[in-house]
Amino acid sequence: MLHVRRILTAAIAAAVSVAAPNPTYAQAPTPPPPVWTGSIGAGVAVTSGNSDTSNVNLSFKATRDPKTKTIFSTEGLYIRGTGNGELTADNALLGAKIQRALSDRAYFFTQIQYLRDSFKSIDYFVAPTFGFGYKVVDNEKAKLSTDVALGPSWEKNPGLDVRTKMAVVFGQKASYALSKTATLTQGFAGAVVADDWADGLYTFQVGVAASLTNRTQIKFEVVDTFKNKPPTPDIKKNDVSTLVSFIYKF
């Protein structure tokens, strides 16, 4: 009887050791999400024949999100183009933003925006503002946010003194996953003089990005810049740029 009991004990111990998870083969813990994420992009377009044109665009985006209530983000875009030996585009957009969550959807932020556009005779436009934003939609497939802010602005035009005004700045951003590899993006930003709402500077962007690998994309984007009151009557109010870029995500 003692012999049988020993055999049963040994069999139960063996069964338990087989059923128990082996730490050697246990799955490694999922690494935490990176604090910094972003992308850099570059695109070139060249034509020859009836007209010789070349266009270069450079862009970047970076976000620091330590998974607390505070997020820092920055982005920029530079476009330069020539046609038949003459400059046809030369403008830059830069922005930086710090936002602090008030709830799952609402947030307070401070930001600074910079624009330079030689063809609109804008040497520089700078606006540091403070405001409030709200995430209307925020899920894995679709995102939509809107914000409004107030602060001073400085605009310098060639041959003119710097204009200092209070500006009302507002914006909206959206993205939608068309598929696992393609995303539609759209953004709008406006800055109007607080005591002259007809004096406004607006930018609109819409694009489609398709993944090539886990870290690379090809992106097609249209950027429209509109200024309601140009410095001189001979400057057109509207400029549209069409961009094709190769994007690397980090």
Protein backbone atom coordinates (compact mmCIF):
# COMPACT_ATOMS: atom_id res chain seq x y z
CA MET A 1 0.00 0.00 0.00
CA LEU A 2 2.89 2.33 0.78
CA HIS A 3 4.42 1.49 -2.57
CA VAL A 4 1.19 2.41 -4.40
CA ARG A 5 0.93 5.66 -2.47
CA ARG A 6 4.47 6.62 -3.49
CA ILE A 7 3.70 5.90 -7.14
CA LEU A 8 0.52 8.05 -7.02
CA THR A 9 2.40 10.91 -5.33
CA ALA A 10 5.14 10.81 -7.96
CA ALA A 11 2.56 10.75 -10.78
CA ILE A 12 0.66 13.76 -9.39
CA ALA A 13 3.90 15.72 -8.94
CA ALA A 14 4.90 14.97 -12.53
CA ALA A 15 1.49 16.06 -13.85
CA VAL A 16 1.62 19.32 -11.91
CA SER A 17 5.12 20.08 -13.17
CA VAL A 18 4.00 19.54 -16.79
CA ALA A 19 0.82 21.65 -16.42
CA ALA A 20 2.50 24.53 -14.58
CA PRO A 21 3.81 27.35 -16.82
CA ASN A 22 7.53 27.14 -17.49
CA PRO A 23 9.13 30.53 -16.78
CA THR A 24 11.70 29.77 -19.48
CA TYR A 25 8.97 29.93 -22.14
CA ALA A 26 6.81 32.68 -20.57
CA GLN A 27 6.08 35.64 -22.84
CA ALA A 28 8.26 38.69 -22.35
CA PRO A 29 6.39 41.67 -20.84
CA THR A 30 5.13 44.26 -23.35
CA PRO A 31 7.53 47.21 -23.44
CA PRO A 32 6.06 50.58 -22.44
CA PRO A 33 5.12 52.96 -25.28
CA PRO A 34 7.91 55.36 -26.27
CA VAL A 35 7.86 58.81 -24.71
CA TRP A 36 8.90 60.47 -27.98
CA THR A 37 7.20 59.76 -31.32
CA GLY A 38 7.22 61.61 -34.61
CA SER A 39 8.22 61.66 -38.25
CA ILE A 40 10.43 63.41 -40.78
CA GLY A 41 9.58 63.81 -44.45
CA ALA A 42 11.07 65.02 -47.70
CA GLY A 43 9.82 65.31 -51.26
CA VAL A 44 11.16 66.45 -54.63
CA ALA A 45 9.33 67.08 -57.91
CA VAL A 46 11.16 67.97 -61.15
CA THR A 47 9.75 68.58 -64.65
CA SER A 48 11.49 69.50 -67.91
CA GLY A 49 10.44 70.20 -71.48
CA ASN A 50 7.99 73.03 -72.14
CA SER A 51 8.75 74.27 -68.62
CA ASP A 52 11.54 73.49 -66.19
CA THR A 53 10.31 73.32 -62.61
CA SER A 54 11.56 71.88 -59.35
CA ASN A 55 9.96 71.74 -55.93
CA VAL A 56 11.39 70.67 -52.59
CA ASN A 57 9.46 70.15 -49.35
CA LEU A 58 10.72 69.20 -45.91
CA SER A 59 8.56 68.42 -42.88
CA PHE A 60 8.78 67.10 -39.35
CA LYS A 61 6.53 66.24 -36.43
CA ALA A 62 7.48 65.29 -32.87
CA THR A 63 5.43 64.57 -29.75
CA ARG A 64 6.53 63.94 -26.20
CA ASP A 65 3.86 62.05 -24.26
CA PRO A 66 5.04 60.56 -20.95
CA LYS A 67 1.46 59.31 -20.35
CA THR A 68 0.76 62.02 -17.81
CA LYS A 69 -1.55 65.00 -18.23
CA THR A 70 1.01 67.10 -20.13
CA ILE A 71 1.93 66.64 -23.81
CA PHE A 72 4.46 68.61 -25.87
CA SER A 73 4.25 68.65 -29.67
CA THR A 74 5.98 70.49 -32.49
CA GLU A 75 5.80 70.42 -36.27
CA GLY A 76 7.14 72.26 -39.29
CA LEU A 77 6.89 72.47 -43.07
CA TYR A 78 9.20 74.15 -45.60
CA ILE A 79 8.39 74.52 -49.30
CA ARG A 80 10.66 75.91 -52.00
CA GLY A 81 9.97 75.86 -55.73
CA THR A 82 11.44 77.25 -58.94
CA GLY A 83 10.04 77.51 -62.45
CA ASN A 84 12.09 78.37 -65.55
CA GLY A 85 14.86 79.72 -63.36
CA GLU A 86 12.62 81.89 -61.18
CA LEU A 87 11.55 81.35 -57.59
CA THR A 88 7.89 80.31 -57.42
CA ALA A 89 7.49 79.24 -53.79
CA ASP A 90 9.36 80.00 -50.59
CA ASN A 91 7.46 79.58 -47.35
CA ALA A 92 7.78 77.97 -43.95
CA LEU A 93 5.37 76.98 -41.19
CA LEU A 94 6.50 76.16 -37.64
CA GLY A 95 4.57 75.49 -34.46
CA ALA A 96 5.09 74.26 -30.90
CA LYS A 97 2.43 73.42 -28.33
CA ILE A 98 2.18 72.34 -24.69
CA GLN A 99 -1.20 71.03 -23.60
CA ARG A 100 -2.45 70.02 -20.17
CA ALA A 101 -5.42 67.70 -19.84
CA LEU A 102 -8.41 68.95 -17.87
CA SER A 103 -10.44 65.78 -18.53
CA ASP A 104 -10.39 62.86 -20.96
CA ARG A 105 -11.36 65.23 -23.80
CA ALA A 106 -10.80 68.84 -22.68
CA TYR A 107 -7.40 70.49 -22.38
CA PHE A 108 -5.71 73.83 -21.80
CA PHE A 109 -2.70 74.78 -23.93
CA THR A 110 -0.10 77.37 -24.79
CA GLN A 111 1.43 77.49 -28.25
CA ILE A 112 3.56 79.57 -30.58
CA GLN A 113 3.08 79.71 -34.35
CA TYR A 114 5.45 81.07 -36.99
CA LEU A 115 4.92 81.65 -40.70
CA ARG A 116 7.12 83.09 -43.44
CA ASP A 117 5.90 83.50 -47.02
CA SER A 118 7.93 85.64 -49.42
CA PHE A 119 5.23 85.60 -52.10
CA LYS A 120 2.71 87.09 -49.70
CA SER A 121 5.36 89.61 -48.59
CA ILE A 122 5.40 88.19 -45.08
CA ASP A 123 8.91 88.31 -43.66
CA TYR A 124 7.53 86.69 -40.53
CA PHE A 125 4.31 86.26 -38.59
CA VAL A 126 4.61 85.15 -34.95
CA ALA A 127 1.76 84.50 -32.53
CA PRO A 128 2.23 83.09 -28.98
CA THR A 129 -1.23 82.29 -27.61
CA PHE A 130 -3.07 80.61 -24.72
CA GLY A 131 -6.31 78.74 -25.14
CA PHE A 132 -8.67 75.81 -24.69
CA GLY A 133 -9.20 72.69 -26.80
CA TYR A 134 -11.59 69.78 -26.98
CA LYS A 135 -11.33 66.29 -28.50
CA VAL A 136 -14.65 65.77 -30.24
CA VAL A 137 -13.72 62.24 -31.41
CA ASP A 138 -10.80 60.24 -30.03
CA ASN A 139 -10.48 56.56 -30.89
CA GLU A 140 -8.17 54.27 -32.85
CA LYS A 141 -10.00 54.78 -36.16
CA ALA A 142 -10.89 58.48 -36.08
CA LYS A 143 -9.72 61.62 -34.29
CA LEU A 144 -11.16 65.13 -34.37
CA SER A 145 -10.13 68.06 -32.17
CA THR A 146 -10.77 71.79 -32.18
CA ASP A 147 -9.30 74.70 -30.21
CA VAL A 148 -9.33 78.47 -29.80
CA ALA A 149 -6.72 80.79 -28.27
CA LEU A 150 -5.89 84.44 -27.70
CA GLY A 151 -2.59 86.30 -27.60
CA PRO A 152 -0.36 88.93 -29.23
CA SER A 153 0.91 88.68 -32.81
CA TRP A 154 3.71 90.35 -34.73
CA GLU A 155 3.79 90.65 -38.52
CA LYS A 156 6.68 92.08 -40.54
CA ASN A 157 6.28 92.99 -44.23
CA PRO A 158 9.08 94.23 -46.52
CA GLY A 159 9.58 97.98 -46.23
CA LEU A 160 6.99 98.34 -43.46
CA ASP A 161 7.21 98.55 -39.69
CA VAL A 162 6.33 95.55 -37.54
CA ARG A 163 2.60 95.41 -36.80
CA THR A 164 1.68 94.32 -33.27
CA LYS A 165 -1.90 93.19 -32.73
CA MET A 166 -3.99 91.00 -30.45
CA ALA A 167 -4.89 87.86 -32.37
CA VAL A 168 -7.63 85.28 -32.04
CA VAL A 169 -6.25 81.92 -33.18
CA PHE A 170 -8.41 78.89 -33.85
CA GLY A 171 -7.85 75.51 -35.41
CA GLN A 172 -9.10 72.04 -36.10
CA LYS A 173 -7.40 68.71 -36.86
CA ALA A 174 -8.81 65.39 -38.00
CA SER A 175 -7.57 61.97 -39.07
CA TYR A 176 -9.37 58.86 -40.27
CA ALA A 177 -7.98 55.38 -40.87
CA LEU A 178 -9.15 54.38 -44.34
CA SER A 179 -7.57 50.94 -43.87
CA LYS A 180 -4.78 49.30 -41.89
CA THR A 181 -2.22 50.98 -44.15
CA ALA A 182 -3.86 54.25 -45.31
CA THR A 183 -4.86 57.35 -43.33
CA LEU A 184 -6.68 60.52 -44.35
CA THR A 185 -5.54 63.71 -42.53
CA GLN A 186 -6.95 67.22 -42.51
CA GLY A 187 -6.14 70.40 -40.64
CA PHE A 188 -7.22 74.04 -40.53
CA ALA A 189 -5.74 77.02 -38.68
CA GLY A 190 -6.76 80.66 -38.66
CA ALA A 191 -5.44 83.83 -37.03
CA VAL A 192 -7.51 87.03 -37.14
CA VAL A 193 -6.84 90.48 -35.70
CA ALA A 194 -9.00 90.90 -32.59
CA ASP A 195 -10.29 94.36 -33.57
CA ASP A 196 -10.50 93.65 -37.34
CA TRP A 197 -11.95 90.23 -38.13
CA ALA A 198 -11.56 90.89 -41.87
CA ASP A 199 -7.77 90.81 -41.43
CA GLY A 200 -7.09 87.09 -41.26
CA LEU A 201 -4.42 84.55 -42.18
CA TYR A 202 -5.59 80.98 -42.81
CA THR A 203 -3.98 77.66 -43.69
CA PHE A 204 -5.76 74.48 -44.79
CA GLN A 205 -4.18 71.07 -45.27
CA VAL A 206 -5.58 67.76 -46.51
CA GLY A 207 -3.61 64.63 -47.30
CA VAL A 208 -3.52 60.87 -47.66
CA ALA A 209 -0.67 58.74 -46.28
CA ALA A 210 -0.08 55.10 -47.24
CA SER A 211 2.31 52.84 -45.36
CA LEU A 212 5.17 51.19 -47.22
CA THR A 213 6.66 49.49 -44.14
CA ASN A 214 6.09 49.75 -40.40
CA ARG A 215 8.12 52.97 -40.30
CA THR A 216 7.81 54.47 -43.79
CA GLN A 217 4.96 56.13 -45.69
CA ILE A 218 4.29 57.90 -48.95
CA LYS A 219 2.11 60.99 -48.51
CA PHE A 220 0.13 63.15 -50.94
CA GLU A 221 -0.91 66.52 -49.48
CA VAL A 222 -2.44 69.83 -50.56
CA VAL A 223 -1.63 73.00 -48.57
CA ASP A 224 -3.67 76.19 -49.10
CA THR A 225 -2.58 79.52 -47.58
CA PHE A 226 -5.00 82.46 -47.68
CA LYS A 227 -4.53 86.04 -46.42
CA ASN A 228 -7.58 88.23 -46.65
CA LYS A 229 -5.68 91.55 -46.55
CA PRO A 230 -2.30 91.29 -48.33
CA PRO A 231 0.22 94.10 -47.66
CA THR A 232 -0.18 95.42 -51.23
CA PRO A 233 -3.01 95.09 -53.81
CA ASP A 234 -0.81 93.29 -56.37
CA ILE A 235 -0.28 90.28 -54.07
CA LYS A 236 -2.72 87.42 -54.58
CA LYS A 237 -4.68 86.35 -51.52
CA ASN A 238 -4.45 82.61 -52.17
CA ASP A 239 -1.58 80.15 -52.72
CA VAL A 240 -1.95 76.37 -53.13
CA SER A 241 0.91 73.85 -52.93
CA THR A 242 0.67 70.17 -53.87
CA LEU A 243 3.20 67.94 -52.12
CA VAL A 244 4.32 64.34 -52.48
CA SER A 245 6.62 63.21 -49.65
CA PHE A 246 8.42 60.19 -48.33
CA ILE A 247 7.87 59.93 -44.55
CA TYR A 248 9.96 58.12 -41.95
CA LYS A 249 8.33 57.54 -38.55
CA PHE A 250 10.25 57.15 -35.29
